[in-house]
C-alpha atoms as a PDB file:
ATOM      1  CA  UNK A   1     -32.272  37.131 -55.144  1.00  0.00           C
ATOM      2  CA  UNK A   2     -32.113  37.021 -51.341  1.00  0.00           C
ATOM      3  CA  UNK A   3     -29.424  35.467 -49.242  1.00  0.00           C
ATOM      4  CA  UNK A   4     -30.381  32.931 -46.626  1.00  0.00           C
ATOM      5  CA  UNK A   5     -28.428  32.872 -43.365  1.00  0.00           C
ATOM      6  CA  UNK A   6     -26.075  29.974 -43.094  1.00  0.00           C
ATOM      7  CA  UNK A   7     -27.249  27.218 -40.779  1.00  0.00           C
ATOM      8  CA  UNK A   8     -23.698  25.927 -40.266  1.00  0.00           C
ATOM      9  CA  UNK A   9     -23.312  27.756 -36.953  1.00  0.00           C
ATOM     10  CA  UNK A  10     -26.666  26.555 -35.649  1.00  0.00           C
ATOM     11  CA  UNK A  11     -26.089  22.952 -36.733  1.00  0.00           C
ATOM     12  CA  UNK A  12     -22.646  23.014 -35.082  1.00  0.00           C
ATOM     13  CA  UNK A  13     -24.243  24.267 -31.882  1.00  0.00           C
ATOM     14  CA  UNK A  14     -26.906  21.551 -32.120  1.00  0.00           C
ATOM     15  CA  UNK A  15     -24.264  18.843 -32.489  1.00  0.00           C
ATOM     16  CA  UNK A  16     -22.242  20.283 -29.605  1.00  0.00           C
ATOM     17  CA  UNK A  17     -25.368  20.461 -27.407  1.00  0.00           C
ATOM     18  CA  UNK A  18     -26.351  16.879 -28.294  1.00  0.00           C
ATOM     19  CA  UNK A  19     -22.835  15.601 -27.561  1.00  0.00           C
ATOM     20  CA  UNK A  20     -22.769  17.400 -24.195  1.00  0.00           C
ATOM     21  CA  UNK A  21     -26.197  16.055 -23.230  1.00  0.00           C
ATOM     22  CA  UNK A  22     -25.342  12.526 -24.350  1.00  0.00           C
ATOM     23  CA  UNK A  23     -22.064  12.501 -22.429  1.00  0.00           C
ATOM     24  CA  UNK A  24     -23.557  14.030 -19.267  1.00  0.00           C
ATOM     25  CA  UNK A  25     -26.657  11.819 -19.484  1.00  0.00           C
ATOM     26  CA  UNK A  26     -24.536   8.685 -19.738  1.00  0.00           C
ATOM     27  CA  UNK A  27     -22.449   9.742 -16.736  1.00  0.00           C
ATOM     28  CA  UNK A  28     -25.470  10.628 -14.582  1.00  0.00           C
ATOM     29  CA  UNK A  29     -27.315   7.449 -15.552  1.00  0.00           C
ATOM     30  CA  UNK A  30     -24.277   5.304 -14.749  1.00  0.00           C
ATOM     31  CA  UNK A  31     -23.929   7.043 -11.378  1.00  0.00           C
ATOM     32  CA  UNK A  32     -27.596   6.333 -10.590  1.00  0.00           C
ATOM     33  CA  UNK A  33     -27.050   2.656 -11.421  1.00  0.00           C
ATOM     34  CA  UNK A  34     -24.014   2.540  -9.097  1.00  0.00           C
ATOM     35  CA  UNK A  35     -26.039   4.103  -6.269  1.00  0.00           C
ATOM     36  CA  UNK A  36     -28.903   1.628  -6.749  1.00  0.00           C
ATOM     37  CA  UNK A  37     -26.506  -1.334  -6.838  1.00  0.00           C
ATOM     38  CA  UNK A  38     -23.832  -0.248  -4.335  1.00  0.00           C
ATOM     39  CA  UNK A  39     -25.259   2.605  -2.260  1.00  0.00           C
ATOM     40  CA  UNK A  40     -22.726   5.099  -3.658  1.00  0.00           C
ATOM     41  CA  UNK A  41     -19.836   5.520  -6.072  1.00  0.00           C
ATOM     42  CA  UNK A  42     -16.391   6.996  -6.437  1.00  0.00           C
ATOM     43  CA  UNK A  43     -15.902   9.869  -8.907  1.00  0.00           C
ATOM     44  CA  UNK A  44     -15.488   8.831 -12.527  1.00  0.00           C
ATOM     45  CA  UNK A  45     -15.494  10.316 -15.997  1.00  0.00           C
ATOM     46  CA  UNK A  46     -17.151   9.583 -19.320  1.00  0.00           C
ATOM     47  CA  UNK A  47     -15.510  10.508 -22.597  1.00  0.00           C
ATOM     48  CA  UNK A  48     -16.929  10.931 -26.077  1.00  0.00           C
ATOM     49  CA  UNK A  49     -14.087  10.063 -28.430  1.00  0.00           C
ATOM     50  CA  UNK A  50     -13.421  11.741 -31.749  1.00  0.00           C
ATOM     51  CA  UNK A  51     -14.864   8.553 -33.298  1.00  0.00           C
ATOM     52  CA  UNK A  52     -18.121   9.030 -31.347  1.00  0.00           C
ATOM     53  CA  UNK A  53     -17.602   6.263 -28.767  1.00  0.00           C
ATOM     54  CA  UNK A  54     -18.575   6.722 -25.116  1.00  0.00           C
ATOM     55  CA  UNK A  55     -16.186   5.284 -22.528  1.00  0.00           C
ATOM     56  CA  UNK A  56     -16.030   5.307 -18.754  1.00  0.00           C
ATOM     57  CA  UNK A  57     -12.811   6.524 -17.130  1.00  0.00           C
ATOM     58  CA  UNK A  58     -12.145   5.328 -13.590  1.00  0.00           C
ATOM     59  CA  UNK A  59      -9.111   5.375 -11.355  1.00  0.00           C
ATOM     60  CA  UNK A  60      -8.294   3.257  -8.337  1.00  0.00           C
ATOM     61  CA  UNK A  61      -8.959   4.963  -5.014  1.00  0.00           C
ATOM     62  CA  UNK A  62      -6.000   5.808  -2.843  1.00  0.00           C
ATOM     63  CA  UNK A  63      -5.368   4.268   0.526  1.00  0.00           C
ATOM     64  CA  UNK A  64      -8.115   4.938   3.082  1.00  0.00           C
ATOM     65  CA  UNK A  65      -7.301   7.212   6.019  1.00  0.00           C
ATOM     66  CA  UNK A  66      -7.409   6.113   9.669  1.00  0.00           C
ATOM     67  CA  UNK A  67     -11.242   6.361   9.594  1.00  0.00           C
ATOM     68  CA  UNK A  68     -11.489   4.186   6.486  1.00  0.00           C
ATOM     69  CA  UNK A  69     -12.416   7.136   4.251  1.00  0.00           C
ATOM     70  CA  UNK A  70     -11.051   7.529   0.734  1.00  0.00           C
ATOM     71  CA  UNK A  71     -10.089  11.001  -0.536  1.00  0.00           C
ATOM     72  CA  UNK A  72     -12.736  11.410  -3.252  1.00  0.00           C
ATOM     73  CA  UNK A  73     -11.597  15.000  -3.850  1.00  0.00           C
ATOM     74  CA  UNK A  74      -8.135  13.774  -4.813  1.00  0.00           C
ATOM     75  CA  UNK A  75      -9.695  11.133  -7.064  1.00  0.00           C
ATOM     76  CA  UNK A  76     -11.701  13.869  -8.807  1.00  0.00           C
ATOM     77  CA  UNK A  77      -8.560  15.958  -9.298  1.00  0.00           C
ATOM     78  CA  UNK A  78      -6.708  12.926 -10.711  1.00  0.00           C
ATOM     79  CA  UNK A  79      -9.557  12.131 -13.145  1.00  0.00           C
ATOM     80  CA  UNK A  80      -9.640  15.726 -14.392  1.00  0.00           C
ATOM     81  CA  UNK A  81      -5.864  15.664 -14.912  1.00  0.00           C
ATOM     82  CA  UNK A  82      -6.124  12.374 -16.813  1.00  0.00           C
ATOM     83  CA  UNK A  83      -8.853  13.844 -19.028  1.00  0.00           C
ATOM     84  CA  UNK A  84      -6.767  16.999 -19.645  1.00  0.00           C
ATOM     85  CA  UNK A  85      -3.840  14.845 -20.762  1.00  0.00           C
ATOM     86  CA  UNK A  86      -6.000  12.934 -23.278  1.00  0.00           C
ATOM     87  CA  UNK A  87      -8.244  15.804 -24.369  1.00  0.00           C
ATOM     88  CA  UNK A  88      -7.034  15.788 -27.981  1.00  0.00           C
ATOM     89  CA  UNK A  89      -8.745  12.390 -28.356  1.00  0.00           C
ATOM     90  CA  UNK A  90     -12.152  13.588 -27.081  1.00  0.00           C
ATOM     91  CA  UNK A  91     -15.025  15.724 -28.348  1.00  0.00           C
ATOM     92  CA  UNK A  92     -16.660  15.903 -24.919  1.00  0.00           C
ATOM     93  CA  UNK A  93     -16.105  14.678 -21.379  1.00  0.00           C
ATOM     94  CA  UNK A  94     -18.203  14.463 -18.242  1.00  0.00           C
ATOM     95  CA  UNK A  95     -17.177  13.951 -14.633  1.00  0.00           C
ATOM     96  CA  UNK A  96     -19.550  12.870 -11.870  1.00  0.00           C
ATOM     97  CA  UNK A  97     -19.198  12.720  -8.116  1.00  0.00           C
ATOM     98  CA  UNK A  98     -21.314  11.798  -5.113  1.00  0.00           C
ATOM     99  CA  UNK A  99     -21.871  14.989  -3.106  1.00  0.00           C
ATOM    100  CA  UNK A 100     -23.637  16.234   0.004  1.00  0.00           C
ATOM    101  CA  UNK A 101     -26.415  18.747  -0.682  1.00  0.00           C
ATOM    102  CA  UNK A 102     -27.074  20.600   2.603  1.00  0.00           C
ATOM    103  CA  UNK A 103     -29.692  22.872   0.974  1.00  0.00           C
ATOM    104  CA  UNK A 104     -31.662  19.773  -0.032  1.00  0.00           C
ATOM    105  CA  UNK A 105     -31.005  17.841   3.160  1.00  0.00           C
ATOM    106  CA  UNK A 106     -29.756  14.929   1.072  1.00  0.00           C
ATOM    107  CA  UNK A 107     -26.913  13.582  -0.967  1.00  0.00           C
ATOM    108  CA  UNK A 108     -26.753  14.030  -4.705  1.00  0.00           C
ATOM    109  CA  UNK A 109     -25.022  13.244  -7.942  1.00  0.00           C
ATOM    110  CA  UNK A 110     -23.120  16.201  -9.371  1.00  0.00           C
ATOM    111  CA  UNK A 111     -22.217  15.953 -13.030  1.00  0.00           C
ATOM    112  CA  UNK A 112     -20.427  18.376 -15.304  1.00  0.00           C
ATOM    113  CA  UNK A 113     -19.768  18.008 -19.015  1.00  0.00           C
ATOM    114  CA  UNK A 114     -17.426  20.012 -21.203  1.00  0.00           C
ATOM    115  CA  UNK A 115     -17.171  20.167 -24.972  1.00  0.00           C
ATOM    116  CA  UNK A 116     -13.898  20.840 -26.731  1.00  0.00           C
ATOM    117  CA  UNK A 117     -15.596  23.737 -28.523  1.00  0.00           C
ATOM    118  CA  UNK A 118     -16.144  25.528 -25.222  1.00  0.00           C
ATOM    119  CA  UNK A 119     -19.638  24.822 -23.899  1.00  0.00           C
ATOM    120  CA  UNK A 120     -20.252  23.380 -20.443  1.00  0.00           C
ATOM    121  CA  UNK A 121     -23.322  21.752 -18.944  1.00  0.00           C
ATOM    122  CA  UNK A 122     -23.790  20.775 -15.300  1.00  0.00           C
ATOM    123  CA  UNK A 123     -26.554  19.271 -13.191  1.00  0.00           C
ATOM    124  CA  UNK A 124     -27.306  17.730  -9.837  1.00  0.00           C
ATOM    125  CA  UNK A 125     -29.685  14.902  -9.001  1.00  0.00           C
ATOM    126  CA  UNK A 126     -30.626  14.824  -5.305  1.00  0.00           C
ATOM    127  CA  UNK A 127     -31.329  11.394  -3.851  1.00  0.00           C
ATOM    128  CA  UNK A 128     -32.425   9.871  -0.576  1.00  0.00           C
ATOM    129  CA  UNK A 129     -32.408   6.309   0.734  1.00  0.00           C
ATOM    130  CA  UNK A 130     -35.774   4.533   0.938  1.00  0.00           C
ATOM    131  CA  UNK A 131     -36.915   1.145   2.204  1.00  0.00           C
ATOM    132  CA  UNK A 132     -36.679  -0.143  -1.379  1.00  0.00           C
ATOM    133  CA  UNK A 133     -33.370   1.471  -2.363  1.00  0.00           C
ATOM    134  CA  UNK A 134     -33.078   5.104  -3.332  1.00  0.00           C
ATOM    135  CA  UNK A 135     -35.424   7.842  -4.535  1.00  0.00           C
ATOM    136  CA  UNK A 136     -34.007  10.275  -7.086  1.00  0.00           C
ATOM    137  CA  UNK A 137     -35.408  13.788  -7.355  1.00  0.00           C
ATOM    138  CA  UNK A 138     -35.664  15.725 -10.609  1.00  0.00           C
ATOM    139  CA  UNK A 139     -32.428  16.804 -12.221  1.00  0.00           C
ATOM    140  CA  UNK A 140     -31.567  20.458 -11.574  1.00  0.00           C
ATOM    141  CA  UNK A 141     -29.204  22.649 -13.609  1.00  0.00           C
ATOM    142  CA  UNK A 142     -26.014  23.711 -11.880  1.00  0.00           C
ATOM    143  CA  UNK A 143     -22.889  25.691 -12.671  1.00  0.00           C
ATOM    144  CA  UNK A 144     -19.439  24.549 -13.748  1.00  0.00           C
ATOM    145  CA  UNK A 145     -16.221  26.172 -14.870  1.00  0.00           C
ATOM    146  CA  UNK A 146     -14.204  24.422 -17.595  1.00  0.00           C
ATOM    147  CA  UNK A 147     -11.411  22.252 -16.221  1.00  0.00           C
ATOM    148  CA  UNK A 148     -10.354  20.043 -19.151  1.00  0.00           C
ATOM    149  CA  UNK A 149     -10.038  22.430 -22.115  1.00  0.00           C
ATOM    150  CA  UNK A 150      -8.145  25.121 -20.247  1.00  0.00           C
ATOM    151  CA  UNK A 151      -4.509  26.182 -20.430  1.00  0.00           C
END
């Protein structure tokens, strides 16, 4: 009689990977829609609840500075803090922001997803304006340090 290795660990990893990809994919796709419709977007989050529901988390931008610019970095910090406060209700979260990509000579969407079990997944999607809207390049993997499930 031979013992078979348990697949529990692998199936847990598969679920975690699927949840991360689903959460990040939803966030990146929503960001692309905002760029196509509005030419840009403010940072926002997407949560995957313990019940398996995806939800968008947005906050109101602060007052613009004297040049009319909004502090997107502060918005990102506020979203991450809000997600940290509610993390017991989530299995995974993703946060996306509109960033400048000097190495690409374009702007891009940066997205990072975290799972409560510890994995992270991050990507960028470079984009450029065209006569018909925007052209999105292929998604590229990127790095991210956990910011929600940390103490």
